[in-house]
C-alpha atoms as a PDB file:
ATOM      1  CA  MET A   1      -0.247   0.186   0.386  1.00  0.00           C
ATOM      2  CA  ILE A   2       2.652   2.092   0.779  1.00  0.00           C
ATOM      3  CA  GLY A   3       4.531   2.054  -2.677  1.00  0.00           C
ATOM      4  CA  ALA A   4       1.034   2.489  -4.475  1.00  0.00           C
ATOM      5  CA  SER A   5       0.896   5.769  -2.361  1.00  0.00           C
ATOM      6  CA  VAL A   6       4.515   7.069  -3.069  1.00  0.00           C
ATOM      7  CA  ASP A   7       3.619   5.726  -7.302  1.00  0.00           C
ATOM      8  CA  LEU A   8       0.494   8.220  -6.469  1.00  0.00           C
ATOM      9  CA  MET A   9       2.463  10.694  -5.170  1.00  0.00           C
ATOM     10  CA  ILE A  10       4.997  10.605  -8.318  1.00  0.00           C
ATOM     11  CA  ASP A  11       2.753  10.344 -10.997  1.00  0.00           C
ATOM     12  CA  ILE A  12       0.464  13.454  -9.893  1.00  0.00           C
ATOM     13  CA  ARG A  13       3.520  15.732 -10.753  1.00  0.00           C
ATOM     14  CA  ASP A  14       4.018  13.885 -13.747  1.00  0.00           C
ATOM     15  CA  TRP A  15       0.026  15.006 -14.613  1.00  0.00           C
ATOM     16  CA  PHE A  16       0.802  18.486 -13.738  1.00  0.00           C
ATOM     17  CA  SER A  17       3.774  18.742 -15.101  1.00  0.00           C
ATOM     18  CA  GLY A  18       1.965  17.687 -18.667  1.00  0.00           C
ATOM     19  CA  HIS A  19       3.729  14.120 -18.808  1.00  0.00           C
ATOM     20  CA  ARG A  20       0.498  12.268 -17.881  1.00  0.00           C
ATOM     21  CA  GLY A  21       2.020   9.555 -16.013  1.00  0.00           C
ATOM     22  CA  ARG A  22       3.098   7.707 -19.275  1.00  0.00           C
ATOM     23  CA  GLY A  23       6.054   4.627 -18.012  1.00  0.00           C
ATOM     24  CA  GLN A  24       9.136   3.537 -20.542  1.00  0.00           C
ATOM     25  CA  HIS A  25       6.331   0.743 -21.370  1.00  0.00           C
ATOM     26  CA  GLY A  26       3.817   3.141 -22.274  1.00  0.00           C
ATOM     27  CA  TYR A  27       1.002   2.037 -19.471  1.00  0.00           C
ATOM     28  CA  THR A  28       0.104   4.892 -16.908  1.00  0.00           C
ATOM     29  CA  ARG A  29       1.262   4.433 -13.581  1.00  0.00           C
ATOM     30  CA  TYR A  30      -1.103   6.637 -12.308  1.00  0.00           C
ATOM     31  CA  PHE A  31      -4.074   4.596 -12.874  1.00  0.00           C
ATOM     32  CA  VAL A  32      -2.027   1.882 -11.327  1.00  0.00           C
ATOM     33  CA  GLY A  33      -1.863   3.561  -8.153  1.00  0.00           C
ATOM     34  CA  ARG A  34      -5.163   4.690  -7.731  1.00  0.00           C
ATOM     35  CA  ARG A  35      -6.723   1.105  -8.577  1.00  0.00           C
ATOM     36  CA  HIS A  36      -4.338  -0.098  -5.891  1.00  0.00           C
ATOM     37  CA  LEU A  37      -5.838   2.847  -3.637  1.00  0.00           C
ATOM     38  CA  ALA A  38      -9.095   2.067  -4.434  1.00  0.00           C
ATOM     39  CA  ALA A  39      -8.547  -1.521  -3.366  1.00  0.00           C
ATOM     40  CA  GLY A  40      -6.954  -1.139  -0.529  1.00  0.00           C
ATOM     41  CA  LEU A  41      -9.757   1.067   0.588  1.00  0.00           C
ATOM     42  CA  CYS A  42     -12.484  -1.691   0.531  1.00  0.00           C
ATOM     43  CA  GLY A  43     -10.105  -4.365   1.817  1.00  0.00           C
ATOM     44  CA  ARG A  44      -9.252  -2.023   5.240  1.00  0.00           C
ATOM     45  CA  ALA A  45     -12.994  -1.436   5.585  1.00  0.00           C
ATOM     46  CA  VAL A  46     -13.720  -5.448   5.584  1.00  0.00           C
ATOM     47  CA  PHE A  47     -10.735  -5.839   7.904  1.00  0.00           C
ATOM     48  CA  PHE A  48     -11.198  -2.867  10.381  1.00  0.00           C
ATOM     49  CA  THR A  49     -14.831  -3.735  10.619  1.00  0.00           C
ATOM     50  CA  PHE A  50     -14.462  -6.996  12.078  1.00  0.00           C
ATOM     51  CA  ASN A  51     -12.116  -9.994  12.152  1.00  0.00           C
ATOM     52  CA  PRO A  52     -10.829 -13.069  13.901  1.00  0.00           C
ATOM     53  CA  SER A  53      -7.772 -11.786  15.635  1.00  0.00           C
ATOM     54  CA  GLY A  54      -9.808  -9.472  18.508  1.00  0.00           C
ATOM     55  CA  HIS A  55      -8.422  -5.746  16.711  1.00  0.00           C
ATOM     56  CA  SER A  56     -11.262  -4.822  14.842  1.00  0.00           C
ATOM     57  CA  PHE A  57     -14.300  -1.917  15.489  1.00  0.00           C
ATOM     58  CA  TYR A  58     -16.848  -4.746  16.742  1.00  0.00           C
ATOM     59  CA  HIS A  59     -14.333  -5.937  19.336  1.00  0.00           C
ATOM     60  CA  TRP A  60     -13.656  -2.344  20.371  1.00  0.00           C
ATOM     61  CA  LEU A  61     -17.616  -1.157  20.295  1.00  0.00           C
ATOM     62  CA  THR A  62     -18.940  -4.509  22.349  1.00  0.00           C
ATOM     63  CA  ALA A  63     -15.059  -4.422  24.749  1.00  0.00           C
ATOM     64  CA  PRO A  64     -15.987  -3.066  28.405  1.00  0.00           C
ATOM     65  CA  PRO A  65     -16.729  -0.226  29.249  1.00  0.00           C
ATOM     66  CA  THR A  66     -19.471  -1.096  26.981  1.00  0.00           C
ATOM     67  CA  GLY A  67     -21.349   2.515  25.555  1.00  0.00           C
ATOM     68  CA  ILE A  68     -21.429   4.710  22.549  1.00  0.00           C
ATOM     69  CA  THR A  69     -18.489   7.341  22.678  1.00  0.00           C
ATOM     70  CA  ALA A  70     -17.682  10.044  20.660  1.00  0.00           C
ATOM     71  CA  LEU A  71     -14.925   8.188  18.891  1.00  0.00           C
ATOM     72  CA  LYS A  72     -16.735   4.881  18.684  1.00  0.00           C
ATOM     73  CA  ALA A  73     -19.715   6.990  16.793  1.00  0.00           C
ATOM     74  CA  PHE A  74     -17.088   8.784  14.624  1.00  0.00           C
ATOM     75  CA  ALA A  75     -15.260   5.684  13.643  1.00  0.00           C
ATOM     76  CA  GLY A  76     -18.563   4.115  13.264  1.00  0.00           C
ATOM     77  CA  VAL A  77     -19.435   6.629  10.942  1.00  0.00           C
ATOM     78  CA  MET A  78     -16.697   6.549   9.415  1.00  0.00           C
ATOM     79  CA  LEU A  79     -16.943   2.770   8.616  1.00  0.00           C
ATOM     80  CA  LEU A  80     -20.387   3.643   7.552  1.00  0.00           C
ATOM     81  CA  ILE A  81     -19.034   6.197   4.904  1.00  0.00           C
ATOM     82  CA  GLY A  82     -16.582   3.433   3.578  1.00  0.00           C
ATOM     83  CA  TRP A  83     -19.152   0.585   3.401  1.00  0.00           C
ATOM     84  CA  VAL A  84     -21.761   2.513   1.370  1.00  0.00           C
ATOM     85  CA  PHE A  85     -18.879   4.096  -1.143  1.00  0.00           C
ATOM     86  CA  CYS A  86     -17.434   1.078  -1.555  1.00  0.00           C
ATOM     87  CA  VAL A  87     -20.700  -1.515  -2.123  1.00  0.00           C
ATOM     88  CA  ARG A  88     -22.337   1.276  -4.062  1.00  0.00           C
ATOM     89  CA  THR A  89     -19.811   1.929  -5.965  1.00  0.00           C
ATOM     90  CA  ALA A  90     -19.273  -2.207  -6.934  1.00  0.00           C
ATOM     91  CA  PHE A  91     -22.408  -3.052  -7.576  1.00  0.00           C
ATOM     92  CA  VAL A  92     -22.754  -0.334 -10.003  1.00  0.00           C
ATOM     93  CA  SER A  93     -19.715  -0.813 -11.281  1.00  0.00           C
ATOM     94  CA  LEU A  94     -20.207  -4.760 -11.599  1.00  0.00           C
ATOM     95  CA  GLY A  95     -23.910  -4.962 -11.295  1.00  0.00           C
ATOM     96  CA  THR A  96     -25.465  -8.460  -9.918  1.00  0.00           C
ATOM     97  CA  MET A  97     -24.178 -10.624 -12.454  1.00  0.00           C
ATOM     98  CA  GLY A  98     -20.895  -9.712 -11.756  1.00  0.00           C
ATOM     99  CA  LEU A  99     -20.500 -10.089  -8.408  1.00  0.00           C
ATOM    100  CA  VAL A 100     -22.343 -13.496  -8.442  1.00  0.00           C
ATOM    101  CA  LEU A 101     -19.889 -14.386 -10.920  1.00  0.00           C
ATOM    102  CA  GLY A 102     -17.030 -12.967  -8.986  1.00  0.00           C
ATOM    103  CA  ALA A 103     -17.937 -14.386  -5.674  1.00  0.00           C
ATOM    104  CA  ALA A 104     -18.295 -18.040  -7.347  1.00  0.00           C
ATOM    105  CA  LEU A 105     -14.859 -17.543  -9.163  1.00  0.00           C
ATOM    106  CA  LEU A 106     -12.821 -16.510  -5.915  1.00  0.00           C
ATOM    107  CA  GLY A 107     -15.360 -19.370  -3.984  1.00  0.00           C
ATOM    108  CA  THR A 108     -14.303 -22.277  -6.306  1.00  0.00           C
ATOM    109  CA  ALA A 109     -10.571 -20.806  -6.304  1.00  0.00           C
ATOM    110  CA  THR A 110     -10.846 -21.105  -2.772  1.00  0.00           C
ATOM    111  CA  TRP A 111     -12.072 -25.375  -2.783  1.00  0.00           C
ATOM    112  CA  MET A 112      -9.307 -25.695  -5.181  1.00  0.00           C
ATOM    113  CA  THR A 113      -6.569 -24.280  -2.854  1.00  0.00           C
ATOM    114  CA  VAL A 114      -8.131 -26.654   0.009  1.00  0.00           C
ATOM    115  CA  GLU A 115      -8.665 -29.914  -2.562  1.00  0.00           C
ATOM    116  CA  ALA A 116      -4.671 -30.019  -3.540  1.00  0.00           C
ATOM    117  CA  GLY A 117      -4.082 -29.241   0.123  1.00  0.00           C
ATOM    118  CA  TRP A 118      -2.505 -25.774   0.055  1.00  0.00           C
ATOM    119  CA  LEU A 119      -5.038 -24.078   2.455  1.00  0.00           C
ATOM    120  CA  ARG A 120      -6.660 -25.498   5.453  1.00  0.00           C
ATOM    121  CA  LEU A 121      -9.967 -24.663   6.950  1.00  0.00           C
ATOM    122  CA  ASP A 122     -10.093 -26.881   9.914  1.00  0.00           C
ATOM    123  CA  GLY A 123     -12.153 -24.070  12.409  1.00  0.00           C
ATOM    124  CA  LEU A 124     -14.565 -21.086  11.963  1.00  0.00           C
ATOM    125  CA  THR A 125     -11.602 -18.950  12.482  1.00  0.00           C
ATOM    126  CA  ALA A 126      -9.286 -19.940   9.103  1.00  0.00           C
ATOM    127  CA  MET A 127     -13.073 -19.518   7.653  1.00  0.00           C
ATOM    128  CA  THR A 128     -13.725 -16.373   8.429  1.00  0.00           C
ATOM    129  CA  TRP A 129     -10.515 -15.157   6.998  1.00  0.00           C
ATOM    130  CA  VAL A 130     -10.922 -16.354   3.760  1.00  0.00           C
ATOM    131  CA  ALA A 131     -14.834 -15.305   3.857  1.00  0.00           C
ATOM    132  CA  LEU A 132     -13.453 -11.609   5.065  1.00  0.00           C
ATOM    133  CA  LEU A 133     -10.515 -11.776   2.157  1.00  0.00           C
ATOM    134  CA  ILE A 134     -12.922 -12.808  -0.628  1.00  0.00           C
ATOM    135  CA  LEU A 135     -15.442 -10.011   0.493  1.00  0.00           C
ATOM    136  CA  GLY A 136     -12.031  -7.387   0.075  1.00  0.00           C
ATOM    137  CA  ILE A 137     -11.328  -8.937  -3.266  1.00  0.00           C
ATOM    138  CA  LEU A 138     -14.828  -8.750  -4.550  1.00  0.00           C
ATOM    139  CA  LEU A 139     -15.010  -5.013  -3.272  1.00  0.00           C
ATOM    140  CA  GLY A 140     -12.059  -3.996  -4.101  1.00  0.00           C
ATOM    141  CA  VAL A 141     -11.881  -5.212  -7.866  1.00  0.00           C
ATOM    142  CA  GLY A 142     -15.550  -3.744  -8.174  1.00  0.00           C
ATOM    143  CA  LEU A 143     -14.203  -0.441  -6.848  1.00  0.00           C
ATOM    144  CA  SER A 144     -11.845  -0.503  -9.492  1.00  0.00           C
ATOM    145  CA  TRP A 145     -13.758  -2.111 -12.258  1.00  0.00           C
ATOM    146  CA  SER A 146     -14.346   1.247 -13.868  1.00  0.00           C
ATOM    147  CA  LEU A 147     -10.900   2.302 -14.163  1.00  0.00           C
ATOM    148  CA  ILE A 148      -9.957  -1.200 -15.660  1.00  0.00           C
ATOM    149  CA  ARG A 149     -12.892  -1.098 -18.312  1.00  0.00           C
ATOM    150  CA  ALA A 150     -12.320   2.369 -19.220  1.00  0.00           C
ATOM    151  CA  ARG A 151      -8.301   1.725 -19.700  1.00  0.00           C
ATOM    152  CA  THR A 152      -8.724  -1.667 -21.516  1.00  0.00           C
ATOM    153  CA  THR A 153     -11.417  -0.766 -23.779  1.00  0.00           C
ATOM    154  CA  GLY A 154     -11.640   3.216 -23.771  1.00  0.00           C
ATOM    155  CA  GLN A 155     -15.346   3.705 -22.336  1.00  0.00           C
ATOM    156  CA  VAL A 156     -16.093   5.457 -19.629  1.00  0.00           C
ATOM    157  CA  GLU A 157     -19.011   4.733 -17.001  1.00  0.00           C
ATOM    158  CA  VAL A 158     -21.216   7.552 -15.880  1.00  0.00           C
ATOM    159  CA  GLN A 159     -24.289   7.876 -14.366  1.00  0.00           C
END
Protein backbone atom coordinates (compact mmCIF):
# COMPACT_ATOMS: atom_id res chain seq x y z
CA MET A 1 0.00 0.00 0.00
CA ILE A 2 2.82 2.39 0.76
CA GLY A 3 4.33 1.72 -2.66
CA ALA A 4 1.01 2.60 -4.31
CA SER A 5 0.90 5.86 -2.38
CA VAL A 6 4.41 6.76 -3.46
CA ASP A 7 3.60 5.93 -7.10
CA LEU A 8 0.46 8.04 -6.83
CA MET A 9 2.41 11.03 -5.51
CA ILE A 10 5.04 10.74 -8.23
CA ASP A 11 2.44 10.42 -10.94
CA ILE A 12 0.40 13.39 -9.73
CA ARG A 13 3.53 15.49 -10.26
CA ASP A 14 3.82 14.01 -13.78
CA TRP A 15 0.15 14.78 -14.36
CA PHE A 16 0.55 18.45 -13.54
CA SER A 17 3.78 18.76 -15.49
CA GLY A 18 2.06 17.52 -18.65
CA HIS A 19 3.70 14.08 -18.89
CA ARG A 20 0.43 12.32 -18.00
CA GLY A 21 2.34 9.68 -16.00
CA ARG A 22 3.33 7.51 -18.94
CA GLY A 23 6.00 5.01 -18.04
CA GLN A 24 8.65 3.61 -20.34
CA HIS A 25 6.33 0.78 -21.43
CA GLY A 26 3.44 3.11 -22.30
CA TYR A 27 1.08 2.27 -19.44
CA THR A 28 -0.17 4.93 -17.09
CA ARG A 29 1.37 4.61 -13.64
CA TYR A 30 -1.24 7.02 -12.28
CA PHE A 31 -3.95 4.49 -13.18
CA VAL A 32 -2.12 1.67 -11.40
CA GLY A 33 -1.70 3.79 -8.26
CA ARG A 34 -5.40 4.70 -8.16
CA ARG A 35 -6.45 1.08 -8.66
CA HIS A 36 -4.32 -0.11 -5.74
CA LEU A 37 -5.55 2.74 -3.60
CA ALA A 38 -9.18 1.82 -4.35
CA ALA A 39 -8.69 -1.88 -3.61
CA GLY A 40 -6.87 -1.05 -0.38
CA LEU A 41 -9.75 1.16 0.77
CA CYS A 42 -12.28 -1.67 0.51
CA GLY A 43 -9.97 -4.24 2.07
CA ARG A 44 -9.37 -1.95 5.02
CA ALA A 45 -13.10 -1.31 5.47
CA VAL A 46 -13.74 -5.07 5.60
CA PHE A 47 -10.94 -5.94 8.02
CA PHE A 48 -11.34 -2.85 10.22
CA THR A 49 -15.02 -3.67 10.73
CA PHE A 50 -14.52 -7.26 11.86
CA ASN A 51 -11.78 -9.85 11.88
CA PRO A 52 -11.18 -12.94 14.04
CA SER A 53 -7.98 -11.56 15.61
CA GLY A 54 -9.94 -9.52 18.14
CA HIS A 55 -8.58 -6.19 16.88
CA SER A 56 -11.52 -4.68 14.99
CA PHE A 57 -14.23 -2.08 15.35
CA TYR A 58 -16.70 -4.77 16.44
CA HIS A 59 -14.41 -5.96 19.23
CA TRP A 60 -13.63 -2.40 20.30
CA LEU A 61 -17.34 -1.54 20.39
CA THR A 62 -18.29 -4.58 22.48
CA ALA A 63 -15.31 -4.50 24.84
CA PRO A 64 -15.77 -3.15 28.38
CA PRO A 65 -16.60 -0.46 29.15
CA THR A 66 -19.52 -0.91 26.80
CA GLY A 67 -21.39 2.08 25.56
CA ILE A 68 -21.15 4.57 22.79
CA THR A 69 -18.57 7.31 23.10
CA ALA A 70 -17.94 10.16 20.67
CA LEU A 71 -14.81 8.44 19.34
CA LYS A 72 -16.64 5.13 18.77
CA ALA A 73 -19.51 6.94 17.05
CA PHE A 74 -17.08 8.86 14.82
CA ALA A 75 -15.22 5.67 13.88
CA GLY A 76 -18.53 3.92 13.19
CA VAL A 77 -19.72 6.70 10.91
CA MET A 78 -16.38 6.66 9.05
CA LEU A 79 -16.67 2.89 8.55
CA LEU A 80 -20.27 3.25 7.42
CA ILE A 81 -19.24 5.85 4.85
CA GLY A 82 -16.48 3.51 3.61
CA TRP A 83 -18.88 0.57 3.37
CA VAL A 84 -21.58 2.53 1.55
CA PHE A 85 -19.02 3.91 -0.88
CA CYS A 86 -17.43 0.51 -1.57
CA VAL A 87 -20.68 -1.48 -1.86
CA ARG A 88 -22.45 1.13 -3.98
CA THR A 89 -19.50 1.55 -6.33
CA ALA A 90 -18.95 -2.22 -6.65
CA PHE A 91 -22.63 -2.80 -7.36
CA VAL A 92 -22.82 -0.04 -9.98
CA SER A 93 -19.56 -1.12 -11.58
CA LEU A 94 -19.99 -4.91 -11.62
CA GLY A 95 -23.75 -5.31 -11.33
CA THR A 96 -25.50 -8.25 -9.74
CA MET A 97 -24.23 -10.75 -12.30
CA GLY A 98 -20.64 -9.54 -11.96
CA LEU A 99 -20.74 -9.80 -8.17
CA VAL A 100 -22.25 -13.30 -8.34
CA LEU A 101 -19.72 -14.45 -10.93
CA GLY A 102 -16.85 -12.91 -8.97
CA ALA A 103 -17.99 -14.63 -5.77
CA ALA A 104 -18.34 -17.91 -7.66
CA LEU A 105 -14.85 -17.54 -9.14
CA LEU A 106 -13.22 -16.76 -5.80
CA GLY A 107 -15.24 -19.47 -4.04
CA THR A 108 -14.20 -22.16 -6.51
CA ALA A 109 -10.59 -20.93 -6.37
CA THR A 110 -10.71 -21.37 -2.59
CA TRP A 111 -12.23 -24.80 -3.03
CA MET A 112 -9.39 -25.78 -5.41
CA THR A 113 -6.72 -24.63 -2.95
CA VAL A 114 -8.38 -26.62 -0.15
CA GLU A 115 -8.60 -29.74 -2.35
CA ALA A 116 -4.96 -29.36 -3.38
CA GLY A 117 -3.93 -29.11 0.27
CA TRP A 118 -2.50 -25.60 -0.04
CA LEU A 119 -5.10 -24.17 2.34
CA ARG A 120 -6.63 -25.76 5.43
CA LEU A 121 -10.02 -24.59 6.64
CA ASP A 122 -10.17 -26.64 9.83
CA GLY A 123 -11.90 -24.16 12.08
CA LEU A 124 -14.32 -21.30 12.01
CA THR A 125 -11.48 -18.77 12.33
CA ALA A 126 -9.79 -19.86 9.10
CA MET A 127 -13.10 -19.88 7.24
CA THR A 128 -13.86 -16.38 8.54
CA TRP A 129 -10.50 -15.05 7.33
CA VAL A 130 -11.09 -16.54 3.87
CA ALA A 131 -14.65 -15.16 3.67
CA LEU A 132 -13.44 -11.68 4.68
CA LEU A 133 -10.63 -11.86 2.14
CA ILE A 134 -13.07 -12.84 -0.62
CA LEU A 135 -15.39 -9.98 0.36
CA GLY A 136 -12.49 -7.51 0.37
CA ILE A 137 -11.29 -8.70 -3.04
CA LEU A 138 -14.79 -8.46 -4.52
CA LEU A 139 -15.31 -4.94 -3.22
CA GLY A 140 -11.81 -3.89 -4.29
CA VAL A 141 -12.27 -5.22 -7.80
CA GLY A 142 -15.69 -3.62 -7.97
CA LEU A 143 -14.27 -0.29 -6.90
CA SER A 144 -11.51 -0.38 -9.48
CA TRP A 145 -13.43 -2.12 -12.28
CA SER A 146 -14.55 1.14 -13.88
CA LEU A 147 -10.92 2.24 -14.06
CA ILE A 148 -9.86 -1.10 -15.57
CA ARG A 149 -12.70 -1.06 -18.11
CA ALA A 150 -12.06 2.56 -19.11
CA ARG A 151 -8.36 1.85 -19.58
CA THR A 152 -8.77 -1.36 -21.59
CA THR A 153 -11.76 -0.45 -23.75
CA GLY A 154 -11.76 3.33 -23.78
CA GLN A 155 -15.40 3.36 -22.57
CA VAL A 156 -16.22 5.41 -19.51
CA GLU A 157 -19.13 4.70 -17.13
CA VAL A 158 -21.25 7.66 -16.09
CA GLN A 159 -24.48 7.91 -14.15
